[in-house]
């Protein structure tokens, strides 16, 4: 897995405030702002113009910054990769905190575009965008759709419990049957996709040597945590939102807590932790020790989740199966 490299200092930044149909573009150091359609042709025109300006003025490397906006930013990032331009996909909350730091409380598209440009110009060591491998991107689409269908299935089953009219029950039963069929087909396609990819299949085999980690957990981690095996233990825990943060001030010592990270990964690891505590002897002993030390149930489960992801990270990084696999 290719790591996201940290960016050098950039003197020329192009920020895109992205909406479904339009873009507000802010350029620094020129301080110019324009509006364009969110179309590949318009994006290419804007980027090529900045490349020409960059070469003429000798401004150094060019950086493109945009926020994650549910996929509408993808044409910009894809074109940056094609043209060899460094790009950063900014986290919305961090940009908002940056705006508050600047004292900018008002919020609209022109202001947001300027804030994005300043964020790219003034923030050191931004992680540059690296596109996902095609097999990971396809797996993520399949897994996302599988989870959507499962949520719809749960919702329809809950509605069926309270349906009174016969025609409503028939309609719900028919939809539930259809959703079950779709879910089974998606799960089969996910399994086939993982098996067909040499990289994904190799990681999946290694990860499943850890007792308590099954195909569903593996598919989710391969799709939503492709950095697995490429980071340190603290880095992977932080990315999964399972790193404990201090909450101290002076003599006050607050409880450690987890924050941020990828919610979909935590959701997957929560179920895996429940299984591991019950069936994995190493994880069970670890959980029992924490309970004896007076840790609350949720803290115990969270600690097991963190131990699982750190262990899986080590397994993938080393290319060796879980050391306790045979004993377990």
Protein backbone atom coordinates (compact mmCIF):
# COMPACT_ATOMS: atom_id res chain seq x y z
CA UNK A 1 0.00 0.00 0.00
CA UNK A 2 1.43 3.38 -1.01
CA UNK A 3 1.54 5.77 1.90
CA UNK A 4 0.26 9.33 1.60
CA UNK A 5 3.47 11.40 1.46
CA UNK A 6 3.72 14.54 3.57
CA UNK A 7 3.72 17.69 1.47
CA UNK A 8 6.59 20.16 1.25
CA UNK A 9 5.92 23.87 1.66
CA UNK A 10 3.80 25.24 -1.21
CA UNK A 11 3.77 28.85 -2.39
CA UNK A 12 1.14 28.35 -5.10
CA UNK A 13 -2.23 26.96 -3.96
CA UNK A 14 -5.48 26.46 -5.87
CA UNK A 15 -8.49 25.74 -3.66
CA UNK A 16 -11.78 24.35 -4.94
CA UNK A 17 -14.93 24.87 -2.87
CA UNK A 18 -16.98 22.04 -4.34
CA UNK A 19 -20.75 21.85 -4.82
CA UNK A 20 -22.71 19.38 -6.91
CA UNK A 21 -22.91 21.64 -9.96
CA UNK A 22 -20.44 24.46 -9.34
CA UNK A 23 -16.98 25.30 -8.06
CA UNK A 24 -15.61 28.40 -6.38
CA UNK A 25 -11.88 28.56 -7.14
CA UNK A 26 -9.49 30.64 -5.03
CA UNK A 27 -5.84 31.05 -6.04
CA UNK A 28 -2.96 32.13 -3.82
CA UNK A 29 -0.70 34.09 -3.82
CA UNK A 30 -2.60 35.91 -6.59
CA UNK A 31 -5.69 36.26 -4.38
CA UNK A 32 -7.96 35.71 -7.38
CA UNK A 33 -11.34 34.01 -7.19
CA UNK A 34 -13.63 32.64 -9.90
CA UNK A 35 -16.67 30.40 -10.36
CA UNK A 36 -16.85 27.45 -12.75
CA UNK A 37 -19.07 24.47 -13.46
CA UNK A 38 -18.19 21.24 -11.71
CA UNK A 39 -17.42 19.58 -15.03
CA UNK A 40 -14.19 17.84 -16.16
CA UNK A 41 -13.70 20.33 -19.01
CA UNK A 42 -13.93 23.36 -16.71
CA UNK A 43 -11.69 21.75 -14.08
CA UNK A 44 -9.06 20.90 -16.68
CA UNK A 45 -9.14 24.44 -18.05
CA UNK A 46 -8.63 25.93 -14.58
CA UNK A 47 -5.78 23.57 -13.68
CA UNK A 48 -3.95 24.02 -16.98
CA UNK A 49 -4.20 27.80 -16.58
CA UNK A 50 -2.59 27.56 -13.14
CA UNK A 51 0.13 25.28 -14.46
CA UNK A 52 0.96 27.89 -17.12
CA UNK A 53 0.93 30.66 -14.52
CA UNK A 54 3.15 28.54 -12.26
CA UNK A 55 5.73 27.90 -14.98
CA UNK A 56 5.77 31.55 -16.08
CA UNK A 57 6.17 33.00 -12.56
CA UNK A 58 8.39 30.17 -11.24
CA UNK A 59 6.27 29.80 -8.09
CA UNK A 60 7.47 26.32 -7.19
CA UNK A 61 5.26 23.22 -6.74
CA UNK A 62 1.54 23.67 -7.21
CA UNK A 63 -0.92 22.35 -4.61
CA UNK A 64 -4.64 21.76 -5.17
CA UNK A 65 -6.88 21.65 -2.09
CA UNK A 66 -10.51 20.58 -1.86
CA UNK A 67 -12.76 19.18 0.86
CA UNK A 68 -14.35 15.75 0.86
CA UNK A 69 -17.91 16.35 -0.39
CA UNK A 70 -19.45 12.92 -0.80
CA UNK A 71 -17.72 12.16 -4.09
CA UNK A 72 -18.23 15.45 -5.96
CA UNK A 73 -14.53 16.22 -5.43
CA UNK A 74 -13.39 13.08 -7.28
CA UNK A 75 -13.11 14.62 -10.79
CA UNK A 76 -10.72 17.25 -9.37
CA UNK A 77 -8.53 14.72 -7.57
CA UNK A 78 -8.51 12.31 -10.52
CA UNK A 79 -7.46 15.08 -12.90
CA UNK A 80 -4.69 16.16 -10.49
CA UNK A 81 -3.34 12.60 -10.57
CA UNK A 82 -3.52 12.60 -14.38
CA UNK A 83 -1.68 15.93 -14.65
CA UNK A 84 0.85 15.12 -11.93
CA UNK A 85 -0.31 17.92 -9.60
CA UNK A 86 -0.01 17.51 -5.83
CA UNK A 87 -3.44 17.48 -4.17
CA UNK A 88 -4.81 17.35 -0.65
CA UNK A 89 -8.33 16.23 0.30
CA UNK A 90 -9.03 18.29 3.39
CA UNK A 91 -11.05 17.17 6.40
CA UNK A 92 -14.03 19.49 6.83
CA UNK A 93 -13.74 19.79 10.62
CA UNK A 94 -10.07 20.70 10.48
CA UNK A 95 -10.71 23.40 7.92
CA UNK A 96 -13.53 24.78 10.09
CA UNK A 97 -11.28 24.90 13.15
CA UNK A 98 -8.67 26.65 11.00
CA UNK A 99 -11.26 29.27 9.99
CA UNK A 100 -12.13 29.87 13.65
CA UNK A 101 -8.42 30.23 14.42
CA UNK A 102 -8.31 32.97 11.77
CA UNK A 103 -11.34 34.60 13.39
CA UNK A 104 -13.57 33.92 10.38
CA UNK A 105 -16.98 33.01 11.79
CA UNK A 106 -19.02 33.78 8.68
CA UNK A 107 -19.46 30.93 6.23
CA UNK A 108 -20.33 30.95 2.53
CA UNK A 109 -18.75 29.50 -0.60
CA UNK A 110 -16.42 32.42 -1.45
CA UNK A 111 -15.21 32.62 2.17
CA UNK A 112 -14.79 28.84 2.36
CA UNK A 113 -12.75 28.82 -0.85
CA UNK A 114 -10.39 31.46 0.55
CA UNK A 115 -10.08 29.58 3.86
CA UNK A 116 -9.24 26.38 1.99
CA UNK A 117 -6.51 28.16 0.05
CA UNK A 118 -5.05 29.64 3.25
CA UNK A 119 -5.25 26.23 4.91
CA UNK A 120 -3.20 24.71 2.09
CA UNK A 121 -0.71 27.57 2.14
CA UNK A 122 -0.18 27.73 5.91
CA UNK A 123 -0.52 24.13 7.10
CA UNK A 124 2.79 22.23 7.10
CA UNK A 125 3.16 18.60 6.05
CA UNK A 126 -0.30 18.05 4.60
CA UNK A 127 -0.81 14.48 3.46
CA UNK A 128 -1.01 14.39 -0.31
CA UNK A 129 -3.79 12.53 -2.06
CA UNK A 130 -2.96 9.05 -3.34
CA UNK A 131 -5.72 7.27 -5.31
CA UNK A 132 -6.94 3.93 -4.09
CA UNK A 133 -5.89 0.84 -5.99
CA UNK A 134 -8.64 -0.22 -8.44
CA UNK A 135 -9.32 -3.50 -6.59
CA UNK A 136 -9.72 -1.64 -3.27
CA UNK A 137 -11.96 1.00 -4.86
CA UNK A 138 -14.21 -1.69 -6.36
CA UNK A 139 -14.33 -3.55 -3.05
CA UNK A 140 -15.30 -0.36 -1.23
CA UNK A 141 -18.19 0.24 -3.64
CA UNK A 142 -19.41 -3.34 -3.21
CA UNK A 143 -19.07 -3.26 0.57
CA UNK A 144 -20.81 0.09 0.83
CA UNK A 145 -23.73 -1.20 -1.22
CA UNK A 146 -23.85 -4.42 0.82
CA UNK A 147 -24.11 -2.38 4.04
CA UNK A 148 -26.84 -0.18 2.55
CA UNK A 149 -28.89 -3.23 1.60
CA UNK A 150 -28.42 -4.73 5.05
CA UNK A 151 -29.65 -1.51 6.68
CA UNK A 152 -32.72 -1.53 4.43
CA UNK A 153 -33.34 -5.17 5.36
CA UNK A 154 -33.22 -4.39 9.09
CA UNK A 155 -35.58 -1.45 8.60
CA UNK A 156 -38.11 -3.51 6.62
CA UNK A 157 -38.02 -6.33 9.17
CA UNK A 158 -38.73 -3.83 11.94
CA UNK A 159 -41.64 -2.41 9.95
CA UNK A 160 -43.04 -5.90 9.40
CA UNK A 161 -43.34 -6.43 13.16
CA UNK A 162 -45.84 -3.57 13.36
CA UNK A 163 -47.72 -4.07 10.08
CA UNK A 164 -51.42 -4.83 10.56
CA UNK A 165 -52.89 -4.67 7.10
CA UNK A 166 -52.49 -7.85 5.02
CA UNK A 167 -51.42 -6.05 1.84
CA UNK A 168 -48.78 -4.09 3.76
CA UNK A 169 -47.41 -7.32 5.24
CA UNK A 170 -47.33 -8.97 1.80
CA UNK A 171 -45.46 -6.02 0.34
CA UNK A 172 -42.96 -6.00 3.18
CA UNK A 173 -42.40 -9.76 2.94
CA UNK A 174 -41.80 -9.49 -0.80
CA UNK A 175 -39.34 -6.65 -0.33
CA UNK A 176 -37.54 -8.51 2.48
CA UNK A 177 -37.18 -11.57 0.27
CA UNK A 178 -35.80 -9.42 -2.55
CA UNK A 179 -33.35 -7.68 -0.20
CA UNK A 180 -32.14 -11.00 1.18
CA UNK A 181 -31.48 -12.22 -2.34
CA UNK A 182 -29.61 -9.02 -3.20
CA UNK A 183 -27.60 -9.21 0.02
CA UNK A 184 -26.56 -12.80 -0.65
CA UNK A 185 -25.54 -11.91 -4.20
CA UNK A 186 -23.45 -8.94 -3.01
CA UNK A 187 -21.71 -11.02 -0.34
CA UNK A 188 -20.88 -13.66 -2.92
CA UNK A 189 -19.55 -10.99 -5.29
CA UNK A 190 -17.42 -9.49 -2.49
CA UNK A 191 -15.95 -12.91 -1.67
CA UNK A 192 -15.21 -13.56 -5.35
CA UNK A 193 -13.66 -10.11 -5.78
CA UNK A 194 -11.32 -10.61 -2.81
CA UNK A 195 -10.36 -14.06 -4.05
CA UNK A 196 -9.65 -12.75 -7.55
CA UNK A 197 -7.21 -10.09 -6.33
CA UNK A 198 -3.84 -11.53 -5.38
CA UNK A 199 -3.10 -8.67 -2.99
CA UNK A 200 -6.49 -8.71 -1.28
CA UNK A 201 -6.60 -12.50 -1.09
CA UNK A 202 -3.16 -12.66 0.51
CA UNK A 203 -4.10 -10.11 3.16
CA UNK A 204 -7.43 -11.83 3.78
CA UNK A 205 -5.78 -15.19 4.43
CA UNK A 206 -3.34 -13.66 6.89
CA UNK A 207 -5.98 -11.64 8.72
CA UNK A 208 -8.29 -14.63 9.19
CA UNK A 209 -5.59 -16.52 11.11
CA UNK A 210 -6.56 -14.22 14.01
CA UNK A 211 -9.40 -16.06 15.71
CA UNK A 212 -12.53 -13.92 15.86
CA UNK A 213 -11.85 -12.17 12.55
CA UNK A 214 -14.09 -13.53 9.81
CA UNK A 215 -14.77 -12.72 6.15
CA UNK A 216 -17.13 -9.84 6.92
CA UNK A 217 -14.57 -8.09 9.13
CA UNK A 218 -11.80 -8.74 6.63
CA UNK A 219 -13.81 -7.31 3.73
CA UNK A 220 -14.63 -4.17 5.72
CA UNK A 221 -11.03 -3.57 6.78
CA UNK A 222 -9.67 -4.19 3.28
CA UNK A 223 -12.24 -1.74 1.88
CA UNK A 224 -12.16 1.02 4.49
CA UNK A 225 -8.68 0.71 6.01
CA UNK A 226 -6.30 0.05 3.09
CA UNK A 227 -3.46 1.55 5.17
CA UNK A 228 -3.47 -1.62 7.29
CA UNK A 229 0.07 -2.97 7.50
CA UNK A 230 1.68 0.29 6.39
CA UNK A 231 1.44 2.29 9.62
CA UNK A 232 2.81 2.04 13.15
CA UNK A 233 0.66 0.55 15.92
CA UNK A 234 -0.22 4.02 17.23
CA UNK A 235 -0.87 5.31 13.70
CA UNK A 236 -3.30 2.54 12.79
CA UNK A 237 -5.10 2.85 16.14
CA UNK A 238 -5.47 6.59 15.60
CA UNK A 239 -6.76 6.12 12.06
CA UNK A 240 -9.37 3.64 13.33
CA UNK A 241 -10.37 6.07 16.08
CA UNK A 242 -9.17 3.75 18.84
CA UNK A 243 -6.20 5.67 20.22
CA UNK A 244 -6.75 6.88 23.80
CA UNK A 245 -6.26 10.64 24.20
CA UNK A 246 -5.29 12.42 27.41
CA UNK A 247 -7.70 14.82 29.12
CA UNK A 248 -5.49 16.43 31.77
CA UNK A 249 -5.13 19.98 33.01
CA UNK A 250 -2.93 20.95 35.95
CA UNK A 251 -3.70 18.55 38.79
CA UNK A 252 -6.84 17.30 37.04
CA UNK A 253 -6.41 13.86 35.47
CA UNK A 254 -9.37 13.04 33.27
CA UNK A 255 -10.20 9.62 31.85
CA UNK A 256 -8.61 8.75 28.51
CA UNK A 257 -11.01 8.70 25.61
CA UNK A 258 -11.10 7.83 21.93
CA UNK A 259 -12.03 10.37 19.29
CA UNK A 260 -12.37 10.84 15.52
CA UNK A 261 -11.11 8.08 13.20
CA UNK A 262 -13.20 6.04 10.77
CA UNK A 263 -16.57 5.17 12.26
CA UNK A 264 -17.25 2.35 9.80
CA UNK A 265 -14.02 0.63 10.90
CA UNK A 266 -14.92 0.96 14.60
CA UNK A 267 -18.37 -0.47 13.93
CA UNK A 268 -16.81 -3.52 12.27
CA UNK A 269 -14.22 -3.99 15.01
CA UNK A 270 -16.87 -3.74 17.72
CA UNK A 271 -18.61 -6.88 16.45
CA UNK A 272 -15.27 -8.61 15.92
CA UNK A 273 -14.25 -7.78 19.50
CA UNK A 274 -17.42 -9.35 20.91
CA UNK A 275 -16.67 -12.55 18.99
CA UNK A 276 -12.98 -12.52 19.95
CA UNK A 277 -13.73 -12.06 23.66
CA UNK A 278 -15.89 -15.15 23.53
CA UNK A 279 -13.90 -17.46 21.24
CA UNK A 280 -10.29 -16.21 21.12
CA UNK A 281 -8.44 -17.43 24.26
CA UNK A 282 -5.79 -14.68 24.09
CA UNK A 283 -8.35 -11.89 23.72
CA UNK A 284 -10.56 -13.47 26.39
CA UNK A 285 -7.70 -13.50 28.91
CA UNK A 286 -6.86 -9.91 28.00
CA UNK A 287 -10.49 -8.85 28.58
CA UNK A 288 -10.72 -10.76 31.87
CA UNK A 289 -7.57 -9.05 33.16
CA UNK A 290 -9.06 -5.64 32.38
CA UNK A 291 -12.30 -6.56 34.17
CA UNK A 292 -10.40 -7.69 37.24
CA UNK A 293 -8.70 -4.30 37.25
CA UNK A 294 -12.12 -2.68 37.46
CA UNK A 295 -12.46 -1.45 33.88
CA UNK A 296 -16.03 -0.83 32.69
CA UNK A 297 -17.47 -3.13 30.02
CA UNK A 298 -17.27 -0.54 27.23
CA UNK A 299 -13.65 0.23 28.07
CA UNK A 300 -12.85 -3.50 27.93
CA UNK A 301 -14.49 -3.89 24.52
CA UNK A 302 -12.72 -0.78 23.19
CA UNK A 303 -9.37 -2.09 24.45
CA UNK A 304 -9.98 -5.42 22.69
CA UNK A 305 -10.91 -3.54 19.50
CA UNK A 306 -7.61 -1.67 19.69
CA UNK A 307 -5.68 -4.88 20.35
CA UNK A 308 -7.36 -6.51 17.35
CA UNK A 309 -6.49 -3.73 14.91
CA UNK A 310 -2.91 -3.42 16.22
CA UNK A 311 -2.48 -7.20 15.91
CA UNK A 312 -3.94 -7.26 12.40
CA UNK A 313 -1.66 -4.39 11.41
CA UNK A 314 1.36 -6.38 12.61
CA UNK A 315 0.17 -9.51 10.80
CA UNK A 316 -0.24 -7.73 7.46
CA UNK A 317 2.99 -5.76 7.85
CA UNK A 318 5.06 -8.86 8.66
CA UNK A 319 3.35 -11.15 6.16
CA UNK A 320 3.23 -13.81 8.87
CA UNK A 321 0.09 -15.45 10.30
CA UNK A 322 -1.02 -14.80 13.86
CA UNK A 323 1.57 -16.31 16.18
CA UNK A 324 -1.12 -17.92 18.37
CA UNK A 325 -3.04 -19.40 15.45
CA UNK A 326 -1.99 -23.02 16.05
CA UNK A 327 -2.48 -22.86 19.81
CA UNK A 328 -5.90 -21.29 19.36
